[in-house]
C-alpha atoms as a PDB file:
ATOM      1  CA  UNK A   1      -3.408  -9.797   7.928  1.00  0.00           C
ATOM      2  CA  UNK A   2      -1.217 -12.764   7.396  1.00  0.00           C
ATOM      3  CA  UNK A   3      -1.758 -14.373  10.370  1.00  0.00           C
ATOM      4  CA  UNK A   4       0.279 -11.613  12.495  1.00  0.00           C
ATOM      5  CA  UNK A   5      -1.421  -9.923  14.948  1.00  0.00           C
ATOM      6  CA  UNK A   6       1.129  -6.747  14.381  1.00  0.00           C
ATOM      7  CA  UNK A   7      -0.903  -3.381  15.010  1.00  0.00           C
ATOM      8  CA  UNK A   8       0.314   0.288  14.120  1.00  0.00           C
ATOM      9  CA  UNK A   9       0.624   2.961  17.543  1.00  0.00           C
ATOM     10  CA  UNK A  10       1.015   6.778  17.287  1.00  0.00           C
ATOM     11  CA  UNK A  11       4.910   5.141  17.603  1.00  0.00           C
ATOM     12  CA  UNK A  12       5.033   3.020  14.823  1.00  0.00           C
ATOM     13  CA  UNK A  13       8.039   3.669  13.324  1.00  0.00           C
ATOM     14  CA  UNK A  14       9.052   4.419   9.202  1.00  0.00           C
ATOM     15  CA  UNK A  15       9.756   0.876   9.592  1.00  0.00           C
ATOM     16  CA  UNK A  16       6.981  -1.001  11.326  1.00  0.00           C
ATOM     17  CA  UNK A  17       4.577   1.086   8.869  1.00  0.00           C
ATOM     18  CA  UNK A  18       6.648  -0.229   5.994  1.00  0.00           C
ATOM     19  CA  UNK A  19       6.439  -3.795   7.524  1.00  0.00           C
ATOM     20  CA  UNK A  20       2.748  -3.651   8.241  1.00  0.00           C
ATOM     21  CA  UNK A  21       1.742  -2.466   4.786  1.00  0.00           C
ATOM     22  CA  UNK A  22       3.780  -4.683   2.878  1.00  0.00           C
ATOM     23  CA  UNK A  23       2.503  -7.847   5.527  1.00  0.00           C
ATOM     24  CA  UNK A  24      -0.983  -6.872   3.784  1.00  0.00           C
ATOM     25  CA  UNK A  25       0.587  -6.344   0.006  1.00  0.00           C
ATOM     26  CA  UNK A  26       1.518 -10.717   0.808  1.00  0.00           C
ATOM     27  CA  UNK A  27      -1.741 -11.372   1.244  1.00  0.00           C
ATOM     28  CA  UNK A  28      -2.692  -9.949  -2.249  1.00  0.00           C
ATOM     29  CA  UNK A  29      -6.202  -8.720  -0.538  1.00  0.00           C
ATOM     30  CA  UNK A  30      -7.069  -5.986  -1.762  1.00  0.00           C
ATOM     31  CA  UNK A  31      -9.321  -5.030   1.106  1.00  0.00           C
ATOM     32  CA  UNK A  32      -6.204  -5.873   4.109  1.00  0.00           C
ATOM     33  CA  UNK A  33      -4.039  -3.613   1.587  1.00  0.00           C
ATOM     34  CA  UNK A  34      -6.137  -0.508   1.840  1.00  0.00           C
ATOM     35  CA  UNK A  35      -7.232  -0.835   6.000  1.00  0.00           C
ATOM     36  CA  UNK A  36      -3.702  -1.633   5.723  1.00  0.00           C
ATOM     37  CA  UNK A  37      -2.782   1.932   3.843  1.00  0.00           C
ATOM     38  CA  UNK A  38      -5.861   3.183   5.986  1.00  0.00           C
ATOM     39  CA  UNK A  39      -4.604   2.754   8.814  1.00  0.00           C
ATOM     40  CA  UNK A  40      -0.969   3.865   8.333  1.00  0.00           C
ATOM     41  CA  UNK A  41      -2.665   7.446   6.888  1.00  0.00           C
ATOM     42  CA  UNK A  42      -3.999   8.157  10.933  1.00  0.00           C
ATOM     43  CA  UNK A  43      -0.691   8.077  11.531  1.00  0.00           C
ATOM     44  CA  UNK A  44      -0.080  11.257   9.348  1.00  0.00           C
ATOM     45  CA  UNK A  45      -1.497  14.361   9.199  1.00  0.00           C
ATOM     46  CA  UNK A  46      -3.950  13.785   6.051  1.00  0.00           C
ATOM     47  CA  UNK A  47      -4.238  17.465   5.295  1.00  0.00           C
ATOM     48  CA  UNK A  48      -0.003  16.592   4.527  1.00  0.00           C
ATOM     49  CA  UNK A  49      -1.090  13.954   2.857  1.00  0.00           C
ATOM     50  CA  UNK A  50      -3.552  15.449   0.666  1.00  0.00           C
ATOM     51  CA  UNK A  51      -1.281  18.175  -0.120  1.00  0.00           C
ATOM     52  CA  UNK A  52       1.949  16.179  -1.270  1.00  0.00           C
ATOM     53  CA  UNK A  53      -0.651  13.944  -3.298  1.00  0.00           C
ATOM     54  CA  UNK A  54      -2.391  16.285  -4.876  1.00  0.00           C
ATOM     55  CA  UNK A  55      -5.612  14.641  -4.195  1.00  0.00           C
ATOM     56  CA  UNK A  56      -8.662  16.137  -1.749  1.00  0.00           C
ATOM     57  CA  UNK A  57      -8.337  15.598   1.881  1.00  0.00           C
ATOM     58  CA  UNK A  58     -12.020  14.294   1.915  1.00  0.00           C
ATOM     59  CA  UNK A  59     -10.851  11.496  -0.420  1.00  0.00           C
ATOM     60  CA  UNK A  60      -7.793   9.935   1.127  1.00  0.00           C
ATOM     61  CA  UNK A  61     -10.401   9.547   3.799  1.00  0.00           C
ATOM     62  CA  UNK A  62     -12.732   7.717   1.468  1.00  0.00           C
ATOM     63  CA  UNK A  63     -10.441   5.748  -0.456  1.00  0.00           C
ATOM     64  CA  UNK A  64      -9.144   3.687   2.632  1.00  0.00           C
ATOM     65  CA  UNK A  65     -12.116   3.679   4.272  1.00  0.00           C
ATOM     66  CA  UNK A  66     -13.522   0.025   2.786  1.00  0.00           C
ATOM     67  CA  UNK A  67     -16.670   0.566   0.748  1.00  0.00           C
ATOM     68  CA  UNK A  68     -14.513   0.797  -2.515  1.00  0.00           C
ATOM     69  CA  UNK A  69     -11.272  -0.061  -4.161  1.00  0.00           C
ATOM     70  CA  UNK A  70      -8.957   2.981  -4.530  1.00  0.00           C
ATOM     71  CA  UNK A  71      -7.483   3.499  -8.177  1.00  0.00           C
ATOM     72  CA  UNK A  72      -3.633   2.324  -8.332  1.00  0.00           C
ATOM     73  CA  UNK A  73      -2.365   5.784  -9.111  1.00  0.00           C
ATOM     74  CA  UNK A  74      -4.310   7.264  -5.714  1.00  0.00           C
ATOM     75  CA  UNK A  75      -2.259   4.535  -4.058  1.00  0.00           C
ATOM     76  CA  UNK A  76       0.538   5.357  -4.879  1.00  0.00           C
ATOM     77  CA  UNK A  77       0.388   8.570  -4.892  1.00  0.00           C
ATOM     78  CA  UNK A  78      -0.653   8.162  -0.858  1.00  0.00           C
ATOM     79  CA  UNK A  79       2.664   6.044  -0.788  1.00  0.00           C
ATOM     80  CA  UNK A  80       4.739   8.427  -1.810  1.00  0.00           C
ATOM     81  CA  UNK A  81       3.415  10.662   0.185  1.00  0.00           C
ATOM     82  CA  UNK A  82       4.005   8.903   3.729  1.00  0.00           C
ATOM     83  CA  UNK A  83       7.125   8.769   1.769  1.00  0.00           C
ATOM     84  CA  UNK A  84       7.063   5.767   1.093  1.00  0.00           C
ATOM     85  CA  UNK A  85       7.324   3.402  -2.597  1.00  0.00           C
ATOM     86  CA  UNK A  86       6.290  -0.413  -4.329  1.00  0.00           C
ATOM     87  CA  UNK A  87       8.626  -2.563  -4.808  1.00  0.00           C
ATOM     88  CA  UNK A  88       8.008  -5.419  -6.941  1.00  0.00           C
ATOM     89  CA  UNK A  89       9.604  -8.715  -5.981  1.00  0.00           C
ATOM     90  CA  UNK A  90      10.256 -12.572  -7.177  1.00  0.00           C
ATOM     91  CA  UNK A  91       8.319 -14.540  -5.516  1.00  0.00           C
ATOM     92  CA  UNK A  92       7.893 -18.330  -5.544  1.00  0.00           C
ATOM     93  CA  UNK A  93       5.235 -20.448  -6.357  1.00  0.00           C
ATOM     94  CA  UNK A  94       3.385 -21.083 -10.156  1.00  0.00           C
ATOM     95  CA  UNK A  95       2.915 -18.271 -12.598  1.00  0.00           C
ATOM     96  CA  UNK A  96       1.713 -17.100 -15.892  1.00  0.00           C
ATOM     97  CA  UNK A  97       4.091 -17.877 -19.023  1.00  0.00           C
ATOM     98  CA  UNK A  98       5.995 -14.880 -20.235  1.00  0.00           C
ATOM     99  CA  UNK A  99       4.957 -14.752 -24.019  1.00  0.00           C
ATOM    100  CA  UNK A 100       8.211 -12.948 -25.119  1.00  0.00           C
ATOM    101  CA  UNK A 101      10.786 -15.207 -22.950  1.00  0.00           C
ATOM    102  CA  UNK A 102      12.959 -15.600 -24.686  1.00  0.00           C
ATOM    103  CA  UNK A 103      12.735 -12.281 -26.818  1.00  0.00           C
ATOM    104  CA  UNK A 104      13.622 -10.451 -24.266  1.00  0.00           C
ATOM    105  CA  UNK A 105      16.015 -11.886 -22.260  1.00  0.00           C
ATOM    106  CA  UNK A 106      19.581 -10.293 -21.016  1.00  0.00           C
END
């Protein structure tokens, strides 16, 4: 993931976990993102994550096991249950042109 050799461990702080997951999001690679979230779930009580997210425990395990990609709602619910949130930021580089860029400017 993003060239960083960061490993999560049971003593990882919430900030270290967030940085680890954010590093995966920086790659824009769904496999890396799922692996990072999956690794973070193992540092929490998965039964508690399941209860707080409204997702069955087995589904939480399977969602980030790497065989299939979880849906966006599952990602958001699991991140929220672990006490994290997803936030959109502006990145540098080429992007799609807005169709209504002038219409919606404030």
